[in-house]
Amino acid sequence: NVFIYDWYWYGGRPFLEDALNNGFLGAANNGKMKFFVMWANHHVNWLWDNRTADKRWDKPRWTAWVDADEFRKISDRWISKYFSRPNYYRIGGKPVLMIYEAKTFIEGLGGVDKAAAALSAFRARCEKAGLGGVHIMACDYGLTKEMVEALKIDSATIYNMVHWSRPVGNPDYAVWAEKGARRFDAAKKELGLSAYFAHASVGWDTNPRYPKSSVQPTALNSTPEKFEVALRRAKDWCDRNTAEGTPRLITVNSWNEWTEGSYLEPDTHFKFGYLEAVKRVFMK
C-alpha cells in the first residue's frame, strides 16, 4: 500500500527524480496509493555502466557526501515537494524519510555530532512547516546502536536480504532468505529501536551488471512459492513484534530492481506470480 522511492542527489542536484515527479505524481490517480522517499545516499561506482568491464569500487563516479548547507538544500526540497502531499506516508502523524547509509551521512557532515545537529535542524524546519516533525527511518546496513541513539533514529528496516545474507556458493533462495530473516530478532536487540520493520526480498542476482566478467554469487531458484514463505515469515514476525500504535509495516525489495534480480514487476517467466504471492498472504 506504499511505494518507497529511491531518491538520489549527486553533484549538487537531484538525479533520476523524474520517475517520481513526472511518473507517479504525474498520474491523475496517484492519490490511490501512498509513497515516501528513501534517500539513496551511496557513492556511485562503475556498476551502473555496462560499457565498463572493470567495476571499480576504489574510484567512484560520484560521491554521496554532503555538508550541512547541502543537506539543508536537499531536505528543503523534500519538505516543499513531497511531505505535505496528502498521500505522503506518515508514521505517528509525521512524514517518513528513510536514509540508506547513516554512516555516509555522518561522514559527509563531518562527524556524528554535526550529523545529529543537521537532523535536529531538519526536524525543526518540518515542525515550522506544520508537518509535526519528521520520522527518520534508517536502512539496517552498517547501522549501529550508537548511530541510532546519536541521530535519534525512529525506526529501521532491511533494504535487501543480501546485506545480512551474502550468497556464498550460490545457495538456494529458501536458505538465503531464511538466513537473512534471522536479522529481525538480532536487530531489535542490538539497535535498541522500538520500531523495527520486517522485510522480504524477491531475490539476488547481479549478473546483468557484469556482462563481461565471471559469474557473480547468486541466490538460486527463487520462485513465487518460496517468496510466499518469506512473506509469511515476515508477517508472522511483524504480528508478534509490532508495538501498539506502530504500523505493521513490511518492506519488500523490490518493484523493479532488474539488475539485482529482485523485482515484483510481472515478467514473461513467472507472469504475475510474485504479486499473486503478496495477494495470498495479505489480502482476505
Protein backbone atom coordinates (compact mmCIF):
# COMPACT_ATOMS: atom_id res chain seq x y z
CA ASN A 1 0.00 0.00 0.00
CA VAL A 2 3.02 2.29 -0.25
CA PHE A 3 5.85 2.77 -2.74
CA ILE A 4 9.25 3.70 -1.31
CA TYR A 5 11.08 5.69 -3.98
CA ASP A 6 14.87 5.56 -4.17
CA TRP A 7 15.81 9.24 -4.36
CA TYR A 8 19.29 10.41 -5.43
CA TRP A 9 21.34 13.58 -5.18
CA TYR A 10 24.76 13.96 -6.81
CA GLY A 11 26.85 16.94 -7.84
CA GLY A 12 24.57 19.48 -6.21
CA ARG A 13 21.36 18.38 -7.93
CA PRO A 14 18.67 15.67 -7.89
CA PHE A 15 19.24 12.61 -10.03
CA LEU A 16 16.69 10.15 -11.51
CA GLU A 17 13.85 12.12 -9.95
CA ASP A 18 11.51 12.12 -12.97
CA ALA A 19 10.04 8.69 -12.27
CA LEU A 20 8.57 10.10 -9.07
CA ASN A 21 7.78 13.67 -10.15
CA ASN A 22 6.51 13.07 -13.68
CA GLY A 23 5.56 9.42 -13.48
CA PHE A 24 3.85 8.54 -10.21
CA LEU A 25 2.94 12.07 -9.12
CA GLY A 26 2.05 12.98 -12.70
CA ALA A 27 -0.61 10.28 -12.81
CA ALA A 28 -4.15 11.52 -12.27
CA ASN A 29 -4.91 8.64 -9.87
CA ASN A 30 -1.73 8.79 -7.76
CA GLY A 31 -3.82 9.61 -4.68
CA LYS A 32 -4.94 5.97 -4.54
CA MET A 33 -1.52 4.93 -3.25
CA LYS A 34 0.84 6.31 -0.63
CA PHE A 35 4.55 6.89 -1.13
CA PHE A 36 7.64 8.05 0.70
CA VAL A 37 11.25 8.82 -0.11
CA MET A 38 14.38 6.86 0.68
CA TRP A 39 17.47 8.99 0.19
CA ALA A 40 19.80 6.53 -1.57
CA ASN A 41 22.93 8.30 -0.34
CA HIS A 42 25.51 5.80 -1.57
CA HIS A 43 28.52 6.53 -3.74
CA VAL A 44 28.14 5.62 -7.41
CA ASN A 45 30.82 3.29 -8.67
CA TRP A 46 31.02 1.72 -12.11
CA LEU A 47 28.28 -0.86 -11.57
CA TRP A 48 25.82 1.37 -13.40
CA ASP A 49 27.81 1.36 -16.64
CA ASN A 50 27.78 -1.91 -18.55
CA ARG A 51 30.15 -0.48 -21.13
CA THR A 52 32.83 -0.77 -18.43
CA ALA A 53 34.04 -4.30 -17.75
CA ASP A 54 36.15 -3.27 -14.74
CA LYS A 55 33.65 -2.50 -11.98
CA ARG A 56 35.99 -0.40 -9.84
CA TRP A 57 34.99 0.36 -6.25
CA ASP A 58 38.00 2.48 -5.33
CA LYS A 59 37.25 5.41 -7.65
CA PRO A 60 33.54 6.32 -7.56
CA ARG A 61 31.99 8.32 -10.37
CA TRP A 62 30.01 10.39 -7.87
CA THR A 63 30.21 10.60 -4.10
CA ALA A 64 27.20 10.92 -1.82
CA TRP A 65 28.83 13.01 0.92
CA VAL A 66 27.08 16.31 1.62
CA ASP A 67 27.84 19.07 4.12
CA ALA A 68 25.31 20.90 6.30
CA ASP A 69 24.46 23.53 3.66
CA GLU A 70 23.92 20.87 1.01
CA PHE A 71 21.78 18.77 3.35
CA ARG A 72 19.61 21.77 4.10
CA LYS A 73 19.07 22.28 0.37
CA ILE A 74 18.21 18.60 -0.06
CA SER A 75 15.84 18.38 2.91
CA ASP A 76 14.10 21.65 2.00
CA ARG A 77 13.34 20.02 -1.35
CA TRP A 78 11.69 17.08 0.40
CA ILE A 79 9.64 19.42 2.56
CA SER A 80 8.45 21.61 -0.31
CA LYS A 81 7.86 18.93 -2.98
CA TYR A 82 6.67 15.88 -1.10
CA PHE A 83 6.00 15.96 2.63
CA SER A 84 2.78 17.99 2.55
CA ARG A 85 1.11 15.85 -0.12
CA PRO A 86 -1.99 14.07 1.20
CA ASN A 87 -0.73 10.66 0.06
CA TYR A 88 2.74 11.01 1.58
CA TYR A 89 3.24 8.15 4.06
CA ARG A 90 3.28 9.06 7.75
CA ILE A 91 4.03 7.25 10.98
CA GLY A 92 2.67 8.79 14.16
CA GLY A 93 1.40 11.69 12.07
CA LYS A 94 4.92 12.55 10.82
CA PRO A 95 6.17 12.23 7.22
CA VAL A 96 8.69 9.39 6.86
CA LEU A 97 12.17 9.95 5.43
CA MET A 98 14.36 6.88 5.04
CA ILE A 99 18.17 7.18 4.89
CA TYR A 100 20.05 4.39 3.12
CA GLU A 101 23.53 4.85 4.62
CA ALA A 102 23.67 6.51 8.03
CA LYS A 103 27.45 6.02 8.01
CA THR A 104 27.88 8.01 4.76
CA PHE A 105 25.59 10.73 6.09
CA ILE A 106 27.73 11.06 9.23
CA GLU A 107 30.97 11.11 7.23
CA GLY A 108 29.75 13.86 4.91
CA LEU A 109 28.56 16.07 7.75
CA GLY A 110 31.93 15.75 9.47
CA GLY A 111 31.09 13.52 12.41
CA VAL A 112 28.19 12.20 14.42
CA ASP A 113 27.64 15.42 16.41
CA LYS A 114 27.34 17.56 13.28
CA ALA A 115 25.10 14.96 11.65
CA ALA A 116 22.85 14.97 14.71
CA ALA A 117 22.68 18.78 14.62
CA ALA A 118 21.73 18.70 10.92
CA LEU A 119 18.90 16.26 11.62
CA SER A 120 17.74 18.32 14.59
CA ALA A 121 17.54 21.42 12.38
CA PHE A 122 15.69 19.35 9.76
CA ARG A 123 13.12 18.25 12.34
CA ALA A 124 12.67 21.87 13.46
CA ARG A 125 12.02 23.01 9.87
CA CYS A 126 9.44 20.24 9.48
CA GLU A 127 7.76 21.45 12.67
CA LYS A 128 7.78 25.03 11.40
CA ALA A 129 6.21 23.86 8.12
CA GLY A 130 3.29 22.42 10.08
CA LEU A 131 4.25 18.79 9.46
CA GLY A 132 4.58 17.80 13.11
CA GLY A 133 8.24 16.87 12.68
CA VAL A 134 9.68 14.00 10.65
CA HIS A 135 10.02 10.25 11.25
CA ILE A 136 13.58 9.15 10.42
CA MET A 137 13.78 5.55 9.23
CA ALA A 138 17.20 4.02 8.59
CA CYS A 139 18.29 1.19 6.38
CA ASP A 140 19.79 -1.53 8.55
CA TYR A 141 23.06 -1.54 6.63
CA GLY A 142 26.13 -0.68 8.64
CA LEU A 143 23.79 0.74 11.27
CA THR A 144 24.87 0.69 14.93
CA LYS A 145 23.19 1.41 18.23
CA GLU A 146 25.50 4.41 18.68
CA MET A 147 24.23 5.90 15.39
CA VAL A 148 20.61 5.21 16.35
CA GLU A 149 21.00 6.97 19.68
CA ALA A 150 23.06 9.93 18.46
CA LEU A 151 20.87 10.65 15.41
CA LYS A 152 17.61 9.87 17.28
CA ILE A 153 16.56 7.44 14.56
CA ASP A 154 12.93 6.37 14.94
CA SER A 155 12.89 3.05 13.09
CA ALA A 156 14.80 0.77 10.75
CA THR A 157 14.27 -1.94 8.17
CA ILE A 158 16.30 -4.07 5.77
CA TYR A 159 16.75 -2.88 2.17
CA ASN A 160 17.67 -6.29 0.73
CA MET A 161 18.46 -9.56 2.48
CA VAL A 162 21.90 -9.51 0.82
CA HIS A 163 23.07 -7.03 3.47
CA TRP A 164 22.71 -9.81 6.06
CA SER A 165 22.88 -12.94 3.91
CA ARG A 166 25.64 -12.73 1.31
CA PRO A 167 25.29 -15.61 -1.16
CA VAL A 168 28.22 -17.99 -0.63
CA GLY A 169 28.40 -20.90 -3.03
CA ASN A 170 25.17 -19.82 -4.77
CA PRO A 171 22.67 -21.00 -2.12
CA ASP A 172 19.07 -21.86 -2.80
CA TYR A 173 16.78 -18.84 -2.36
CA ALA A 174 14.92 -20.52 0.53
CA VAL A 175 18.13 -20.98 2.55
CA TRP A 176 19.36 -17.46 1.70
CA ALA A 177 16.07 -15.79 2.69
CA GLU A 178 15.74 -17.71 5.95
CA LYS A 179 19.28 -16.77 6.98
CA GLY A 180 18.58 -13.09 6.23
CA ALA A 181 15.41 -13.13 8.31
CA ARG A 182 17.41 -14.06 11.42
CA ARG A 183 18.42 -10.40 11.45
CA PHE A 184 14.92 -9.34 12.61
CA ASP A 185 15.37 -10.57 16.19
CA ALA A 186 19.08 -9.71 16.31
CA ALA A 187 18.50 -6.15 15.09
CA LYS A 188 15.71 -5.40 17.54
CA LYS A 189 18.02 -6.44 20.35
CA GLU A 190 21.23 -4.80 19.03
CA LEU A 191 19.86 -1.46 17.83
CA GLY A 192 17.53 -0.73 20.74
CA LEU A 193 14.73 0.51 18.48
CA SER A 194 11.10 0.39 19.49
CA ALA A 195 10.11 0.07 15.81
CA TYR A 196 11.85 -2.39 13.50
CA PHE A 197 10.10 -3.42 10.30
CA ALA A 198 10.37 -6.91 8.84
CA HIS A 199 11.38 -7.46 5.22
CA ALA A 200 11.19 -9.88 2.31
CA SER A 201 13.41 -9.79 -0.78
CA VAL A 202 12.35 -11.30 -4.09
CA GLY A 203 15.88 -12.47 -4.88
CA TRP A 204 19.50 -11.59 -5.56
CA ASP A 205 21.31 -11.87 -8.89
CA THR A 206 23.58 -9.05 -10.11
CA ASN A 207 24.92 -10.84 -13.18
CA PRO A 208 23.20 -8.38 -15.60
CA ARG A 209 25.67 -5.78 -14.29
CA TYR A 210 28.68 -7.92 -15.22
CA PRO A 211 28.24 -8.90 -18.88
CA LYS A 212 31.98 -9.31 -19.48
CA SER A 213 33.19 -10.87 -16.25
CA SER A 214 32.86 -14.02 -14.19
CA VAL A 215 29.55 -15.16 -12.71
CA GLN A 216 28.59 -13.30 -9.53
CA PRO A 217 27.34 -15.05 -6.35
CA THR A 218 23.60 -15.54 -6.64
CA ALA A 219 20.61 -16.76 -4.61
CA LEU A 220 19.39 -19.50 -6.90
CA ASN A 221 15.94 -20.85 -7.73
CA SER A 222 13.76 -18.01 -6.50
CA THR A 223 10.09 -18.82 -7.14
CA PRO A 224 6.79 -17.18 -6.15
CA GLU A 225 6.13 -20.13 -3.82
CA LYS A 226 9.42 -19.68 -1.94
CA PHE A 227 8.90 -15.92 -1.84
CA GLU A 228 5.48 -16.56 -0.29
CA VAL A 229 7.20 -18.45 2.56
CA ALA A 230 9.46 -15.43 3.13
CA LEU A 231 6.43 -13.13 3.20
CA ARG A 232 4.62 -15.33 5.73
CA ARG A 233 7.75 -15.41 7.89
CA ALA A 234 7.93 -11.59 7.81
CA LYS A 235 4.20 -11.27 8.54
CA ASP A 236 4.38 -13.65 11.49
CA TRP A 237 7.34 -11.74 12.97
CA CYS A 238 5.56 -8.44 12.38
CA ASP A 239 2.37 -9.66 14.08
CA ARG A 240 4.34 -10.81 17.12
CA ASN A 241 6.74 -7.88 17.48
CA THR A 242 4.93 -4.68 16.47
CA ALA A 243 4.25 -2.36 19.39
CA GLU A 244 0.84 -0.79 19.94
CA GLY A 245 0.48 2.37 17.87
CA THR A 246 3.17 1.33 15.36
CA PRO A 247 2.10 0.30 11.84
CA ARG A 248 2.60 -3.33 10.88
CA LEU A 249 4.83 -2.34 8.01
CA ILE A 250 6.73 -4.92 5.95
CA THR A 251 9.16 -3.74 3.29
CA VAL A 252 9.77 -5.65 0.06
CA ASN A 253 12.69 -5.37 -2.34
CA SER A 254 11.72 -4.51 -4.95
CA TRP A 255 9.31 -3.41 -7.66
CA ASN A 256 11.85 -3.11 -10.49
CA GLU A 257 15.43 -3.95 -9.49
CA TRP A 258 16.04 -5.98 -12.64
CA THR A 259 19.85 -5.74 -12.45
CA GLU A 260 19.76 -7.17 -8.93
CA GLY A 261 17.33 -9.98 -9.75
CA SER A 262 14.83 -8.73 -7.19
CA TYR A 263 11.64 -7.45 -8.75
CA LEU A 264 7.90 -7.88 -8.20
CA GLU A 265 7.01 -6.50 -11.61
CA PRO A 266 5.42 -9.15 -13.87
CA ASP A 267 7.71 -10.80 -16.43
CA THR A 268 7.39 -13.40 -19.16
CA HIS A 269 8.62 -16.27 -16.95
CA PHE A 270 6.52 -16.11 -13.78
CA LYS A 271 3.88 -13.70 -15.15
CA PHE A 272 2.05 -12.20 -12.11
CA GLY A 273 3.32 -14.95 -9.78
CA TYR A 274 5.16 -12.79 -7.25
CA LEU A 275 2.31 -10.30 -6.98
CA GLU A 276 -0.14 -13.18 -6.53
CA ALA A 277 2.04 -14.40 -3.66
CA VAL A 278 1.66 -10.99 -2.00
CA LYS A 279 -2.09 -11.20 -2.54
CA ARG A 280 -2.37 -14.67 -0.98
CA VAL A 281 -0.51 -13.60 2.16
CA PHE A 282 -2.01 -10.16 2.79
CA MET A 283 -5.42 -9.97 1.12
CA LYS A 284 -8.51 -11.54 2.65
